Amino acid sequence: MDAFVLGDKPRTKAFLFVRKKGDGMIKIISLFGIFVGLFFAENALALRCGQELVKIGDYKTEVLDKCGSPESIETHTEYASQSYGARLHSKHLSSGQRRQYVEEIKVEEWIYNFGRTRLKQYLRFENGRLTFIESLHRGD
């Protein structure tokens, strides 16, 4: 550890400039680790199809135009319920103050196989909008 003292009198540690040897290398290695982790993260916000970029929020028709037909498509319906009404403590609520709303969500799950050199991609659409992208194993 190198220390540099200001002025002719030694001062308390609060006034010392302390530099540890090797700090720069530790920061570089830490940043490299963060970038590698982000690069290999399984959940993605976008997918490259040729020169085009598909991102969360795109419509099915946009994805079809950019990437073509997927290898497989599975469809099903999910139901999500929400309660709404007055925001009072539950002991003060009568049954007429809270309502429950059930939403029907049409889900499509697509798998793209771009060949051996790329990972398969899982895309999830809810009511026609892309909501999730995940990289799977190597393609065939």
C-alpha atoms as a PDB file:
ATOM      1  CA  MET A   1       0.000   0.000   0.000  1.00  0.00           C
ATOM      2  CA  ASP A   2       1.402   3.383  -1.007  1.00  0.00           C
ATOM      3  CA  ALA A   3       0.508   6.488   0.989  1.00  0.00           C
ATOM      4  CA  PHE A   4       0.940  10.124   0.109  1.00  0.00           C
ATOM      5  CA  VAL A   5       0.943  12.749   2.855  1.00  0.00           C
ATOM      6  CA  LEU A   6      -0.074  16.338   2.146  1.00  0.00           C
ATOM      7  CA  GLY A   7       2.127  19.072   3.605  1.00  0.00           C
ATOM      8  CA  ASP A   8       5.110  18.657   5.922  1.00  0.00           C
ATOM      9  CA  LYS A   9       3.202  17.167   8.885  1.00  0.00           C
ATOM     10  CA  PRO A  10       1.747  13.690   8.831  1.00  0.00           C
ATOM     11  CA  ARG A  11      -2.029  13.866   8.945  1.00  0.00           C
ATOM     12  CA  THR A  12      -4.746  11.489  10.025  1.00  0.00           C
ATOM     13  CA  LYS A  13      -5.885   8.730   7.709  1.00  0.00           C
ATOM     14  CA  ALA A  14      -8.797  10.881   6.537  1.00  0.00           C
ATOM     15  CA  PHE A  15      -6.344  13.099   4.681  1.00  0.00           C
ATOM     16  CA  LEU A  16      -4.196  10.347   3.174  1.00  0.00           C
ATOM     17  CA  PHE A  17      -4.540   9.300  -0.425  1.00  0.00           C
ATOM     18  CA  VAL A  18      -4.273   5.527  -0.323  1.00  0.00           C
ATOM     19  CA  ARG A  19      -3.734   3.472  -3.433  1.00  0.00           C
ATOM     20  CA  LYS A  20      -3.697  -0.294  -3.336  1.00  0.00           C
ATOM     21  CA  LYS A  21      -1.597  -2.060  -5.933  1.00  0.00           C
ATOM     22  CA  GLY A  22      -3.633  -4.180  -8.338  1.00  0.00           C
ATOM     23  CA  ASP A  23      -6.931  -2.271  -7.924  1.00  0.00           C
ATOM     24  CA  GLY A  24      -7.156  -1.587 -11.643  1.00  0.00           C
ATOM     25  CA  MET A  25      -6.843  -5.240 -12.606  1.00  0.00           C
ATOM     26  CA  ILE A  26      -9.549  -6.287 -10.124  1.00  0.00           C
ATOM     27  CA  LYS A  27     -11.944  -3.724 -11.618  1.00  0.00           C
ATOM     28  CA  ILE A  28     -11.219  -4.936 -15.154  1.00  0.00           C
ATOM     29  CA  ILE A  29     -11.783  -8.578 -14.187  1.00  0.00           C
ATOM     30  CA  SER A  30     -15.042  -7.658 -12.387  1.00  0.00           C
ATOM     31  CA  LEU A  31     -16.359  -5.724 -15.385  1.00  0.00           C
ATOM     32  CA  PHE A  32     -15.412  -8.570 -17.713  1.00  0.00           C
ATOM     33  CA  GLY A  33     -17.336 -11.012 -15.499  1.00  0.00           C
ATOM     34  CA  ILE A  34     -20.421  -8.800 -15.568  1.00  0.00           C
ATOM     35  CA  PHE A  35     -20.344  -8.513 -19.361  1.00  0.00           C
ATOM     36  CA  VAL A  36     -19.888 -12.267 -19.800  1.00  0.00           C
ATOM     37  CA  GLY A  37     -22.821 -12.903 -17.437  1.00  0.00           C
ATOM     38  CA  LEU A  38     -25.057 -10.533 -19.375  1.00  0.00           C
ATOM     39  CA  PHE A  39     -23.991 -12.039 -22.695  1.00  0.00           C
ATOM     40  CA  PHE A  40     -24.880 -15.578 -21.651  1.00  0.00           C
ATOM     41  CA  ALA A  41     -28.082 -14.708 -19.794  1.00  0.00           C
ATOM     42  CA  GLU A  42     -30.834 -17.079 -20.865  1.00  0.00           C
ATOM     43  CA  ASN A  43     -33.682 -14.573 -20.903  1.00  0.00           C
ATOM     44  CA  ALA A  44     -33.376 -12.015 -23.640  1.00  0.00           C
ATOM     45  CA  LEU A  45     -35.052  -8.749 -24.522  1.00  0.00           C
ATOM     46  CA  ALA A  46     -34.454  -9.135 -28.251  1.00  0.00           C
ATOM     47  CA  LEU A  47     -33.718 -11.729 -30.934  1.00  0.00           C
ATOM     48  CA  ARG A  48     -31.818 -11.248 -34.172  1.00  0.00           C
ATOM     49  CA  CYS A  49     -33.355 -12.758 -37.305  1.00  0.00           C
ATOM     50  CA  GLY A  50     -30.951 -12.102 -40.161  1.00  0.00           C
ATOM     51  CA  GLN A  51     -30.597  -8.312 -40.312  1.00  0.00           C
ATOM     52  CA  GLU A  52     -33.837  -7.731 -38.361  1.00  0.00           C
ATOM     53  CA  LEU A  53     -34.313  -7.385 -34.604  1.00  0.00           C
ATOM     54  CA  VAL A  54     -37.365  -8.803 -32.826  1.00  0.00           C
ATOM     55  CA  LYS A  55     -38.068  -7.338 -29.395  1.00  0.00           C
ATOM     56  CA  ILE A  56     -40.490  -7.702 -26.491  1.00  0.00           C
ATOM     57  CA  GLY A  57     -43.765  -5.980 -27.380  1.00  0.00           C
ATOM     58  CA  ASP A  58     -43.684  -6.822 -31.112  1.00  0.00           C
ATOM     59  CA  TYR A  59     -46.816  -8.261 -32.710  1.00  0.00           C
ATOM     60  CA  LYS A  60     -46.948 -11.837 -34.102  1.00  0.00           C
ATOM     61  CA  THR A  61     -47.196 -10.520 -37.663  1.00  0.00           C
ATOM     62  CA  GLU A  62     -43.998  -8.489 -37.219  1.00  0.00           C
ATOM     63  CA  VAL A  63     -42.130 -11.537 -35.899  1.00  0.00           C
ATOM     64  CA  LEU A  64     -43.395 -13.682 -38.803  1.00  0.00           C
ATOM     65  CA  ASP A  65     -42.255 -11.038 -41.292  1.00  0.00           C
ATOM     66  CA  LYS A  66     -38.794 -10.795 -39.709  1.00  0.00           C
ATOM     67  CA  CYS A  67     -38.098 -14.447 -38.802  1.00  0.00           C
ATOM     68  CA  GLY A  68     -40.395 -16.535 -40.957  1.00  0.00           C
ATOM     69  CA  SER A  69     -42.444 -19.481 -39.726  1.00  0.00           C
ATOM     70  CA  PRO A  70     -41.351 -21.148 -36.474  1.00  0.00           C
ATOM     71  CA  GLU A  71     -40.514 -24.833 -36.175  1.00  0.00           C
ATOM     72  CA  SER A  72     -43.428 -25.397 -33.782  1.00  0.00           C
ATOM     73  CA  ILE A  73     -46.390 -23.500 -32.335  1.00  0.00           C
ATOM     74  CA  GLU A  74     -48.404 -24.465 -29.256  1.00  0.00           C
ATOM     75  CA  THR A  75     -51.512 -22.557 -28.194  1.00  0.00           C
ATOM     76  CA  HIS A  76     -53.556 -22.518 -25.019  1.00  0.00           C
ATOM     77  CA  THR A  77     -55.642 -20.159 -22.914  1.00  0.00           C
ATOM     78  CA  GLU A  78     -54.771 -18.895 -19.444  1.00  0.00           C
ATOM     79  CA  TYR A  79     -56.941 -16.946 -17.033  1.00  0.00           C
ATOM     80  CA  ALA A  80     -55.738 -14.142 -14.769  1.00  0.00           C
ATOM     81  CA  SER A  81     -57.942 -12.714 -12.058  1.00  0.00           C
ATOM     82  CA  GLN A  82     -57.669  -9.339 -10.371  1.00  0.00           C
ATOM     83  CA  SER A  83     -59.654  -7.781  -7.582  1.00  0.00           C
ATOM     84  CA  TYR A  84     -60.474  -4.118  -7.615  1.00  0.00           C
ATOM     85  CA  GLY A  85     -62.547  -1.750  -5.566  1.00  0.00           C
ATOM     86  CA  ALA A  86     -62.167   0.439  -2.498  1.00  0.00           C
ATOM     87  CA  ARG A  87     -58.737   0.464  -0.869  1.00  0.00           C
ATOM     88  CA  LEU A  88     -59.837   0.150   2.757  1.00  0.00           C
ATOM     89  CA  HIS A  89     -58.802  -2.327   5.408  1.00  0.00           C
ATOM     90  CA  SER A  90     -60.487  -5.647   4.736  1.00  0.00           C
ATOM     91  CA  LYS A  91     -62.514  -5.549   7.969  1.00  0.00           C
ATOM     92  CA  HIS A  92     -64.279  -2.406   6.656  1.00  0.00           C
ATOM     93  CA  LEU A  93     -65.178  -3.801   3.247  1.00  0.00           C
ATOM     94  CA  SER A  94     -68.573  -5.176   2.453  1.00  0.00           C
ATOM     95  CA  SER A  95     -68.999  -7.747  -0.303  1.00  0.00           C
ATOM     96  CA  GLY A  96     -70.320  -5.087  -2.689  1.00  0.00           C
ATOM     97  CA  GLN A  97     -67.184  -2.941  -2.517  1.00  0.00           C
ATOM     98  CA  ARG A  98     -64.745  -5.384  -4.135  1.00  0.00           C
ATOM     99  CA  ARG A  99     -65.150  -6.938  -7.537  1.00  0.00           C
ATOM    100  CA  GLN A 100     -63.168  -9.640  -9.234  1.00  0.00           C
ATOM    101  CA  TYR A 101     -62.205  -9.400 -12.887  1.00  0.00           C
ATOM    102  CA  VAL A 102     -61.104 -12.473 -14.867  1.00  0.00           C
ATOM    103  CA  GLU A 103     -59.086 -11.874 -18.019  1.00  0.00           C
ATOM    104  CA  GLU A 104     -58.730 -14.482 -20.740  1.00  0.00           C
ATOM    105  CA  ILE A 105     -55.188 -14.577 -22.166  1.00  0.00           C
ATOM    106  CA  LYS A 106     -54.539 -16.353 -25.459  1.00  0.00           C
ATOM    107  CA  VAL A 107     -51.016 -17.762 -25.272  1.00  0.00           C
ATOM    108  CA  GLU A 108     -48.876 -18.950 -28.180  1.00  0.00           C
ATOM    109  CA  GLU A 109     -45.477 -20.526 -27.628  1.00  0.00           C
ATOM    110  CA  TRP A 110     -43.173 -20.620 -30.635  1.00  0.00           C
ATOM    111  CA  ILE A 111     -39.884 -22.452 -31.096  1.00  0.00           C
ATOM    112  CA  TYR A 112     -37.404 -21.283 -33.734  1.00  0.00           C
ATOM    113  CA  ASN A 113     -34.624 -23.601 -34.883  1.00  0.00           C
ATOM    114  CA  PHE A 114     -31.953 -21.635 -36.722  1.00  0.00           C
ATOM    115  CA  GLY A 115     -29.674 -24.645 -37.259  1.00  0.00           C
ATOM    116  CA  ARG A 116     -26.594 -26.140 -35.573  1.00  0.00           C
ATOM    117  CA  THR A 117     -24.650 -22.906 -35.314  1.00  0.00           C
ATOM    118  CA  ARG A 118     -27.282 -21.113 -33.203  1.00  0.00           C
ATOM    119  CA  LEU A 119     -29.383 -21.812 -30.146  1.00  0.00           C
ATOM    120  CA  LYS A 120     -33.062 -22.621 -30.480  1.00  0.00           C
ATOM    121  CA  GLN A 121     -35.288 -19.745 -29.378  1.00  0.00           C
ATOM    122  CA  TYR A 122     -38.502 -19.922 -27.346  1.00  0.00           C
ATOM    123  CA  LEU A 123     -40.946 -17.035 -27.865  1.00  0.00           C
ATOM    124  CA  ARG A 124     -44.115 -16.504 -25.828  1.00  0.00           C
ATOM    125  CA  PHE A 125     -46.973 -14.363 -27.112  1.00  0.00           C
ATOM    126  CA  GLU A 126     -49.893 -13.184 -24.993  1.00  0.00           C
ATOM    127  CA  ASN A 127     -52.904 -11.850 -26.897  1.00  0.00           C
ATOM    128  CA  GLY A 128     -50.750 -11.435 -29.999  1.00  0.00           C
ATOM    129  CA  ARG A 129     -47.849  -9.518 -28.384  1.00  0.00           C
ATOM    130  CA  LEU A 130     -44.372 -10.930 -27.696  1.00  0.00           C
ATOM    131  CA  THR A 131     -43.838 -11.082 -23.920  1.00  0.00           C
ATOM    132  CA  PHE A 132     -40.863 -13.421 -23.400  1.00  0.00           C
ATOM    133  CA  ILE A 133     -37.780 -14.682 -25.273  1.00  0.00           C
ATOM    134  CA  GLU A 134     -35.535 -17.488 -24.024  1.00  0.00           C
ATOM    135  CA  SER A 135     -32.519 -19.221 -25.543  1.00  0.00           C
ATOM    136  CA  LEU A 136     -32.692 -23.015 -25.452  1.00  0.00           C
ATOM    137  CA  HIS A 137     -30.169 -25.698 -26.480  1.00  0.00           C
ATOM    138  CA  ARG A 138     -28.336 -25.929 -29.811  1.00  0.00           C
ATOM    139  CA  GLY A 139     -30.407 -26.359 -32.922  1.00  0.00           C
ATOM    140  CA  ASP A 140     -30.560 -29.446 -35.158  1.00  0.00           C
END
